[in-house]
Amino acid sequence: MAWHLDTINAIDLVYAADFQLRSKDIIFVAEQPVTRWDRAM
């Protein structure tokens, strides 16, 4: 199962506070467009 957290919406941050992680859970943080631009420069 996969979850996507959109931190632009403040209500999603409230839900994230109750989100529980378990051992061996994998967290993926996608890069932002500015990061890709910075790498290209």
PDB file of N, CA and C in Angstrom:
ATOM      1  N   MET A   1       0.844  -1.171   0.000  1.00  0.00           N
ATOM      2  CA  MET A   1       0.000   0.000   0.000  1.00  0.00           C
ATOM      3  C   MET A   1       0.894   1.239   0.000  1.00  0.00           C
ATOM      4  N   ALA A   2       0.468   2.264  -0.693  1.00  0.00           N
ATOM      5  CA  ALA A   2       1.247   3.500  -0.773  1.00  0.00           C
ATOM      6  C   ALA A   2       0.370   4.682  -0.370  1.00  0.00           C
ATOM      7  N   TRP A   3       0.998   5.653   0.255  1.00  0.00           N
ATOM      8  CA  TRP A   3       0.315   6.878   0.659  1.00  0.00           C
ATOM      9  C   TRP A   3       1.050   8.055   0.058  1.00  0.00           C
ATOM     10  N   HIS A   4       0.306   9.068  -0.334  1.00  0.00           N
ATOM     11  CA  HIS A   4       0.901  10.295  -0.864  1.00  0.00           C
ATOM     12  C   HIS A   4       0.458  11.445   0.025  1.00  0.00           C
ATOM     13  N   LEU A   5       1.410  12.171   0.558  1.00  0.00           N
ATOM     14  CA  LEU A   5       1.112  13.310   1.423  1.00  0.00           C
ATOM     15  C   LEU A   5       1.452  14.586   0.680  1.00  0.00           C
ATOM     16  N   ASP A   6       0.439  15.399   0.443  1.00  0.00           N
ATOM     17  CA  ASP A   6       0.625  16.682  -0.229  1.00  0.00           C
ATOM     18  C   ASP A   6       0.707  17.761   0.842  1.00  0.00           C
ATOM     19  N   THR A   7       1.898  18.267   1.083  1.00  0.00           N
ATOM     20  CA  THR A   7       2.087  19.220   2.184  1.00  0.00           C
ATOM     21  C   THR A   7       1.643  20.638   1.832  1.00  0.00           C
ATOM     22  N   ILE A   8       1.168  20.833   0.615  1.00  0.00           N
ATOM     23  CA  ILE A   8       0.639  22.157   0.252  1.00  0.00           C
ATOM     24  C   ILE A   8      -0.682  22.404   0.992  1.00  0.00           C
ATOM     25  N   ASN A   9      -1.449  21.351   1.179  1.00  0.00           N
ATOM     26  CA  ASN A   9      -2.727  21.454   1.864  1.00  0.00           C
ATOM     27  C   ASN A   9      -2.507  21.306   3.377  1.00  0.00           C
ATOM     28  N   ALA A  10      -2.879  22.310   4.145  1.00  0.00           N
ATOM     29  CA  ALA A  10      -2.645  22.303   5.597  1.00  0.00           C
ATOM     30  C   ALA A  10      -3.420  21.195   6.298  1.00  0.00           C
ATOM     31  N   ILE A  11      -4.572  20.831   5.790  1.00  0.00           N
ATOM     32  CA  ILE A  11      -5.361  19.775   6.428  1.00  0.00           C
ATOM     33  C   ILE A  11      -4.623  18.439   6.336  1.00  0.00           C
ATOM     34  N   ASP A  12      -3.902  18.216   5.249  1.00  0.00           N
ATOM     35  CA  ASP A  12      -3.122  16.981   5.128  1.00  0.00           C
ATOM     36  C   ASP A  12      -2.042  16.900   6.197  1.00  0.00           C
ATOM     37  N   LEU A  13      -1.509  18.028   6.612  1.00  0.00           N
ATOM     38  CA  LEU A  13      -0.497  18.030   7.672  1.00  0.00           C
ATOM     39  C   LEU A  13      -1.093  17.566   8.998  1.00  0.00           C
ATOM     40  N   VAL A  14      -2.360  17.878   9.229  1.00  0.00           N
ATOM     41  CA  VAL A  14      -3.037  17.410  10.443  1.00  0.00           C
ATOM     42  C   VAL A  14      -3.147  15.885  10.414  1.00  0.00           C
ATOM     43  N   TYR A  15      -3.509  15.335   9.261  1.00  0.00           N
ATOM     44  CA  TYR A  15      -3.583  13.873   9.126  1.00  0.00           C
ATOM     45  C   TYR A  15      -2.207  13.243   9.292  1.00  0.00           C
ATOM     46  N   ALA A  16      -1.183  13.905   8.821  1.00  0.00           N
ATOM     47  CA  ALA A  16       0.173  13.359   8.900  1.00  0.00           C
ATOM     48  C   ALA A  16       0.633  13.234  10.352  1.00  0.00           C
ATOM     49  N   ALA A  17       0.149  14.100  11.216  1.00  0.00           N
ATOM     50  CA  ALA A  17       0.548  14.047  12.620  1.00  0.00           C
ATOM     51  C   ALA A  17       0.098  12.741  13.281  1.00  0.00           C
ATOM     52  N   ASP A  18      -0.991  12.156  12.785  1.00  0.00           N
ATOM     53  CA  ASP A  18      -1.505  10.905  13.355  1.00  0.00           C
ATOM     54  C   ASP A  18      -1.002   9.668  12.620  1.00  0.00           C
ATOM     55  N   PHE A  19      -0.229   9.867  11.581  1.00  0.00           N
ATOM     56  CA  PHE A  19       0.254   8.749  10.777  1.00  0.00           C
ATOM     57  C   PHE A  19       1.365   8.023  11.525  1.00  0.00           C
ATOM     58  N   GLN A  20       1.222   6.716  11.669  1.00  0.00           N
ATOM     59  CA  GLN A  20       2.211   5.932  12.407  1.00  0.00           C
ATOM     60  C   GLN A  20       3.060   5.117  11.447  1.00  0.00           C
ATOM     61  N   LEU A  21       4.355   5.192  11.634  1.00  0.00           N
ATOM     62  CA  LEU A  21       5.285   4.395  10.836  1.00  0.00           C
ATOM     63  C   LEU A  21       5.647   3.134  11.596  1.00  0.00           C
ATOM     64  N   ARG A  22       5.904   2.091  10.850  1.00  0.00           N
ATOM     65  CA  ARG A  22       6.326   0.824  11.443  1.00  0.00           C
ATOM     66  C   ARG A  22       7.755   0.533  11.005  1.00  0.00           C
ATOM     67  N   SER A  23       8.377  -0.396  11.689  1.00  0.00           N
ATOM     68  CA  SER A  23       9.726  -0.776  11.289  1.00  0.00           C
ATOM     69  C   SER A  23       9.672  -1.342   9.868  1.00  0.00           C
ATOM     70  N   LYS A  24      10.694  -1.094   9.120  1.00  0.00           N
ATOM     71  CA  LYS A  24      10.828  -1.522   7.722  1.00  0.00           C
ATOM     72  C   LYS A  24       9.925  -0.775   6.758  1.00  0.00           C
ATOM     73  N   ASP A  25       9.238   0.287   7.199  1.00  0.00           N
ATOM     74  CA  ASP A  25       8.501   1.142   6.270  1.00  0.00           C
ATOM     75  C   ASP A  25       9.506   1.912   5.431  1.00  0.00           C
ATOM     76  N   ILE A  26       9.153   2.180   4.204  1.00  0.00           N
ATOM     77  CA  ILE A  26      10.024   2.931   3.298  1.00  0.00           C
ATOM     78  C   ILE A  26       9.398   4.292   3.043  1.00  0.00           C
ATOM     79  N   ILE A  27      10.203   5.332   3.198  1.00  0.00           N
ATOM     80  CA  ILE A  27       9.741   6.698   2.964  1.00  0.00           C
ATOM     81  C   ILE A  27      10.479   7.235   1.748  1.00  0.00           C
ATOM     82  N   PHE A  28       9.730   7.722   0.773  1.00  0.00           N
ATOM     83  CA  PHE A  28      10.308   8.296  -0.429  1.00  0.00           C
ATOM     84  C   PHE A  28       9.940   9.771  -0.470  1.00  0.00           C
ATOM     85  N   VAL A  29      10.930  10.625  -0.624  1.00  0.00           N
ATOM     86  CA  VAL A  29      10.702  12.063  -0.732  1.00  0.00           C
ATOM     87  C   VAL A  29      11.126  12.480  -2.129  1.00  0.00           C
ATOM     88  N   ALA A  30      10.166  12.907  -2.915  1.00  0.00           N
ATOM     89  CA  ALA A  30      10.445  13.302  -4.291  1.00  0.00           C
ATOM     90  C   ALA A  30      11.164  14.649  -4.320  1.00  0.00           C
ATOM     91  N   GLU A  31      12.010  14.815  -5.315  1.00  0.00           N
ATOM     92  CA  GLU A  31      12.710  16.090  -5.443  1.00  0.00           C
ATOM     93  C   GLU A  31      11.762  17.141  -5.998  1.00  0.00           C
ATOM     94  N   GLN A  32      12.040  18.369  -5.659  1.00  0.00           N
ATOM     95  CA  GLN A  32      11.244  19.492  -6.125  1.00  0.00           C
ATOM     96  C   GLN A  32      11.805  20.007  -7.452  1.00  0.00           C
ATOM     97  N   PRO A  33      10.986  20.696  -8.246  1.00  0.00           N
ATOM     98  CA  PRO A  33      11.483  21.217  -9.528  1.00  0.00           C
ATOM     99  C   PRO A  33      12.716  22.102  -9.381  1.00  0.00           C
ATOM    100  N   VAL A  34      12.809  22.865  -8.309  1.00  0.00           N
ATOM    101  CA  VAL A  34      13.964  23.736  -8.122  1.00  0.00           C
ATOM    102  C   VAL A  34      15.243  22.915  -7.936  1.00  0.00           C
ATOM    103  N   THR A  35      15.115  21.738  -7.370  1.00  0.00           N
ATOM    104  CA  THR A  35      16.286  20.866  -7.194  1.00  0.00           C
ATOM    105  C   THR A  35      16.791  20.387  -8.541  1.00  0.00           C
ATOM    106  N   ARG A  36      15.879  19.995  -9.412  1.00  0.00           N
ATOM    107  CA  ARG A  36      16.286  19.552 -10.749  1.00  0.00           C
ATOM    108  C   ARG A  36      16.935  20.691 -11.520  1.00  0.00           C
ATOM    109  N   TRP A  37      16.394  21.903 -11.383  1.00  0.00           N
ATOM    110  CA  TRP A  37      16.955  23.057 -12.065  1.00  0.00           C
ATOM    111  C   TRP A  37      18.360  23.343 -11.544  1.00  0.00           C
ATOM    112  N   ASP A  38      18.533  23.267 -10.230  1.00  0.00           N
ATOM    113  CA  ASP A  38      19.841  23.536  -9.623  1.00  0.00           C
ATOM    114  C   ASP A  38      20.866  22.522 -10.092  1.00  0.00           C
ATOM    115  N   ARG A  39      20.504  21.275 -10.217  1.00  0.00           N
ATOM    116  CA  ARG A  39      21.431  20.253 -10.690  1.00  0.00           C
ATOM    117  C   ARG A  39      21.823  20.487 -12.127  1.00  0.00           C
ATOM    118  N   ALA A  40      20.907  21.001 -12.929  1.00  0.00           N
ATOM    119  CA  ALA A  40      21.212  21.264 -14.343  1.00  0.00           C
ATOM    120  C   ALA A  40      22.199  22.409 -14.492  1.00  0.00           C
ATOM    121  N   MET A  41      22.148  23.322 -13.549  1.00  0.00           N
ATOM    122  CA  MET A  41      23.058  24.480 -13.628  1.00  0.00           C
ATOM    123  C   MET A  41      24.431  24.038 -13.212  1.00  0.00           C
TER     124      MET A  41
END
